[in-house]
Amino acid sequence: MSADSFSERPLFGGAISTTFPLRFQDVSNIRQVPDHQEVFVDPTRDESLIFELLDYKHEVGNDGAAVWFLQDLAVEQDGEGFTLLEQSAVVEAPGLCYRNAPAVVTTAVGQMAVSKGRQGREAQNIIKVYLANIRLKEVGTDVLVTAYEPILINPLSESASTVGAGLATPAIQSGYMPMVEVFKLAVTNFKVNEWGLFIPTV
């Protein structure tokens, strides 16, 4: 049984909301975060949850879209040894409709070795990354929900001083909701409260 308490959390000034555990803190309280992102982190476990609004990628098909974004992320983060672990089929989200057009959602899970911040390759951690792509074509937006879970912490990583080096302690063993469940909770409860967020006013 998880000791995690969770509640609905406002994103982008309340225009979007979703649900995830309260142990994830808003990074914008500590450092500047780009306007198109909302970043939450549990520093005690080095787990993070990121919500990102991107311009709709017309050149990317719905089928396998999450895989495309995940591979793009691996390149962007200079990830090594990227392995795709699983991917979903395309599903419609009838609860996310704009002008009667439902959003489509795909998910993908991968594993790779990445360094924190400006640390070099000698300090790489092995992480599991869960990514959902929520496609809001009618408002020209690709939403990414990305969850990061450390698998193996490098002794040279800056994370080692907080969470310890070696194999990460499974969340359930520490009484917390596993990251895969945090991810599912955030994706399934994702809702748009104000569509005006995506539509520029003339």
Protein backbone atom coordinates (compact mmCIF):
# COMPACT_ATOMS: atom_id res chain seq x y z
CA MET A 1 0.00 0.00 0.00
CA SER A 2 1.43 3.38 -1.01
CA ALA A 3 1.84 6.10 1.60
CA ASP A 4 1.73 8.69 -1.17
CA SER A 5 -0.96 11.31 -0.92
CA PHE A 6 -1.94 12.93 -4.19
CA SER A 7 -4.28 15.62 -5.41
CA GLU A 8 -5.29 17.50 -8.52
CA ARG A 9 -2.52 19.94 -9.42
CA PRO A 10 -2.93 23.07 -11.60
CA LEU A 11 -0.57 23.44 -14.59
CA PHE A 12 0.06 26.50 -16.77
CA GLY A 13 -1.85 28.84 -14.46
CA GLY A 14 -4.73 26.37 -14.05
CA ALA A 15 -5.49 26.16 -17.80
CA ILE A 16 -4.58 22.45 -17.51
CA SER A 17 -4.77 20.17 -14.48
CA THR A 18 -3.89 16.61 -13.59
CA THR A 19 -3.25 14.41 -10.57
CA PHE A 20 0.04 13.17 -9.11
CA PRO A 21 1.65 12.74 -5.66
CA LEU A 22 2.30 15.80 -3.50
CA ARG A 23 5.93 14.70 -2.94
CA PHE A 24 6.69 16.10 -6.41
CA GLN A 25 7.70 19.74 -5.91
CA ASP A 26 7.35 22.55 -8.44
CA VAL A 27 10.86 23.28 -9.76
CA SER A 28 9.86 26.84 -10.76
CA ASN A 29 9.96 27.70 -7.05
CA ILE A 30 13.72 26.98 -7.13
CA ARG A 31 14.86 27.93 -10.64
CA GLN A 32 13.50 29.36 -13.85
CA VAL A 33 11.56 26.95 -16.08
CA PRO A 34 10.70 27.70 -19.75
CA ASP A 35 7.13 28.98 -20.27
CA HIS A 36 6.13 25.91 -22.30
CA GLN A 37 7.14 23.51 -19.49
CA GLU A 38 6.00 22.57 -16.00
CA VAL A 39 8.62 20.56 -14.09
CA PHE A 40 8.10 18.67 -10.82
CA VAL A 41 10.70 16.70 -8.91
CA ASP A 42 11.03 14.48 -5.86
CA PRO A 43 14.63 15.28 -4.83
CA THR A 44 14.74 12.49 -2.26
CA ARG A 45 14.27 9.89 -5.01
CA ASP A 46 15.67 11.82 -8.01
CA GLU A 47 12.38 11.22 -9.85
CA SER A 48 10.82 13.87 -12.04
CA LEU A 49 7.66 14.58 -13.98
CA ILE A 50 7.62 17.08 -16.86
CA PHE A 51 4.68 18.52 -18.81
CA GLU A 52 5.58 20.21 -22.08
CA LEU A 53 3.57 22.04 -24.76
CA LEU A 54 5.09 21.89 -28.26
CA ASP A 55 3.97 23.07 -31.69
CA TYR A 56 2.16 20.21 -33.43
CA LYS A 57 4.58 18.08 -35.48
CA HIS A 58 2.66 17.51 -38.73
CA GLU A 59 5.47 15.37 -40.15
CA VAL A 60 5.07 12.81 -37.34
CA GLY A 61 2.29 10.23 -37.78
CA ASN A 62 0.06 9.30 -34.83
CA ASP A 63 1.22 5.71 -34.90
CA GLY A 64 4.48 5.57 -32.97
CA ALA A 65 4.49 9.32 -32.21
CA ALA A 66 5.55 8.75 -28.58
CA VAL A 67 8.50 6.64 -29.79
CA TRP A 68 9.56 9.45 -32.13
CA PHE A 69 9.47 12.00 -29.29
CA LEU A 70 11.28 9.63 -26.92
CA GLN A 71 14.08 9.00 -29.42
CA ASP A 72 14.29 12.75 -30.07
CA LEU A 73 14.60 13.29 -26.31
CA ALA A 74 17.40 10.71 -26.07
CA VAL A 75 19.37 12.58 -28.77
CA GLU A 76 18.67 15.97 -27.16
CA GLN A 77 19.86 14.74 -23.75
CA ASP A 78 22.93 13.03 -25.22
CA GLY A 79 21.62 9.73 -23.92
CA GLU A 80 23.74 6.64 -24.56
CA GLY A 81 22.61 3.07 -25.17
CA PHE A 82 18.97 4.02 -25.73
CA THR A 83 16.68 0.98 -25.64
CA LEU A 84 12.97 1.07 -26.42
CA LEU A 85 11.27 -1.17 -23.84
CA GLU A 86 7.63 -0.83 -24.86
CA GLN A 87 5.18 1.24 -26.87
CA SER A 88 1.41 1.53 -27.02
CA ALA A 89 -1.06 1.58 -29.86
CA VAL A 90 -2.90 4.85 -30.64
CA VAL A 91 -5.87 5.48 -28.35
CA GLU A 92 -8.44 8.25 -28.52
CA ALA A 93 -9.11 10.38 -25.45
CA PRO A 94 -12.83 11.26 -25.67
CA GLY A 95 -12.48 13.35 -22.50
CA LEU A 96 -10.07 15.67 -24.34
CA CYS A 97 -12.21 17.02 -27.15
CA TYR A 98 -11.97 20.32 -28.99
CA ARG A 99 -14.75 20.98 -31.52
CA ASN A 100 -15.76 17.29 -31.25
CA ALA A 101 -12.28 16.11 -32.30
CA PRO A 102 -10.81 13.88 -29.56
CA ALA A 103 -7.11 13.97 -28.75
CA VAL A 104 -5.08 10.88 -29.61
CA VAL A 105 -2.55 9.45 -27.18
CA THR A 106 0.46 7.14 -27.54
CA THR A 107 2.98 6.11 -24.90
CA ALA A 108 6.50 4.70 -24.95
CA VAL A 109 9.01 3.54 -22.35
CA GLY A 110 12.77 3.57 -22.84
CA GLN A 111 16.01 3.20 -20.94
CA MET A 112 19.25 5.12 -21.42
CA ALA A 113 22.36 6.45 -19.72
CA VAL A 114 22.43 10.23 -19.14
CA SER A 115 24.43 12.73 -17.11
CA LYS A 116 22.88 15.38 -14.86
CA GLY A 117 23.19 18.99 -15.97
CA ARG A 118 26.70 19.76 -17.13
CA GLN A 119 28.31 16.62 -15.75
CA GLY A 120 30.35 14.54 -18.20
CA ARG A 121 29.79 11.01 -19.48
CA GLU A 122 31.83 9.53 -16.63
CA ALA A 123 28.93 10.50 -14.30
CA GLN A 124 26.08 8.93 -16.31
CA ASN A 125 23.10 7.41 -14.52
CA ILE A 126 20.93 4.69 -16.03
CA ILE A 127 17.34 5.91 -16.12
CA LYS A 128 13.96 4.67 -17.29
CA VAL A 129 11.86 7.23 -19.16
CA TYR A 130 8.08 7.05 -19.57
CA LEU A 131 6.66 9.35 -22.26
CA ALA A 132 3.09 10.07 -23.34
CA ASN A 133 2.27 12.16 -26.39
CA ILE A 134 -1.18 13.75 -26.23
CA ARG A 135 -1.93 15.11 -29.71
CA LEU A 136 -4.24 18.13 -29.76
CA LYS A 137 -4.26 18.57 -33.53
CA GLU A 138 -7.22 20.97 -33.59
CA VAL A 139 -5.26 23.50 -31.53
CA GLY A 140 -1.88 22.76 -33.15
CA THR A 141 -0.27 21.34 -30.02
CA ASP A 142 1.67 18.22 -29.05
CA VAL A 143 1.63 17.70 -25.28
CA LEU A 144 4.42 15.59 -23.77
CA VAL A 145 4.15 14.04 -20.31
CA THR A 146 7.54 12.62 -19.35
CA ALA A 147 8.47 10.74 -16.17
CA TYR A 148 12.06 9.95 -15.20
CA GLU A 149 12.96 7.09 -12.86
CA PRO A 150 16.58 6.34 -11.87
CA ILE A 151 17.60 2.69 -12.16
CA LEU A 152 21.31 2.94 -11.33
CA ILE A 153 23.01 5.99 -9.79
CA ASN A 154 26.64 6.58 -10.72
CA PRO A 155 28.88 7.32 -7.67
CA LEU A 156 30.22 10.37 -9.59
CA SER A 157 26.74 11.76 -10.27
CA GLU A 158 25.56 14.76 -8.26
CA SER A 159 22.47 12.64 -7.48
CA ALA A 160 24.60 10.24 -5.44
CA SER A 161 24.95 12.73 -2.58
CA THR A 162 21.15 12.90 -2.20
CA VAL A 163 19.85 9.44 -3.04
CA GLY A 164 23.01 7.33 -2.75
CA ALA A 165 24.99 5.49 -5.43
CA GLY A 166 24.11 2.09 -6.86
CA LEU A 167 20.76 0.51 -7.64
CA ALA A 168 17.86 2.84 -6.80
CA THR A 169 15.56 1.61 -4.03
CA PRO A 170 12.22 0.56 -5.56
CA ALA A 171 9.49 3.10 -4.72
CA ILE A 172 7.14 0.47 -3.33
CA GLN A 173 9.85 -0.67 -0.91
CA SER A 174 9.99 2.90 0.43
CA GLY A 175 6.21 3.13 0.70
CA TYR A 176 5.77 5.28 -2.41
CA MET A 177 3.73 4.89 -5.58
CA PRO A 178 5.96 3.38 -8.34
CA MET A 179 6.88 5.83 -11.11
CA VAL A 180 4.95 3.83 -13.72
CA GLU A 181 1.78 4.40 -11.63
CA VAL A 182 2.60 8.10 -11.11
CA PHE A 183 2.94 8.39 -14.89
CA LYS A 184 -0.37 6.59 -15.59
CA LEU A 185 -2.16 8.75 -12.99
CA ALA A 186 -0.83 11.98 -14.54
CA VAL A 187 -1.75 10.92 -18.10
CA THR A 188 -5.22 9.51 -17.39
CA ASN A 189 -6.24 12.53 -15.28
CA PHE A 190 -4.86 15.13 -17.72
CA LYS A 191 -7.53 17.67 -18.60
CA VAL A 192 -7.77 21.01 -20.34
CA ASN A 193 -9.78 23.59 -18.38
CA GLU A 194 -9.15 26.54 -20.69
CA TRP A 195 -8.66 25.84 -24.40
CA GLY A 196 -7.78 29.51 -24.82
CA LEU A 197 -4.27 28.59 -23.64
CA PHE A 198 -3.60 27.13 -27.11
CA ILE A 199 -5.46 29.70 -29.19
CA PRO A 200 -3.65 33.00 -29.64
CA THR A 201 -5.97 35.97 -29.28
CA VAL A 202 -5.80 38.34 -32.23
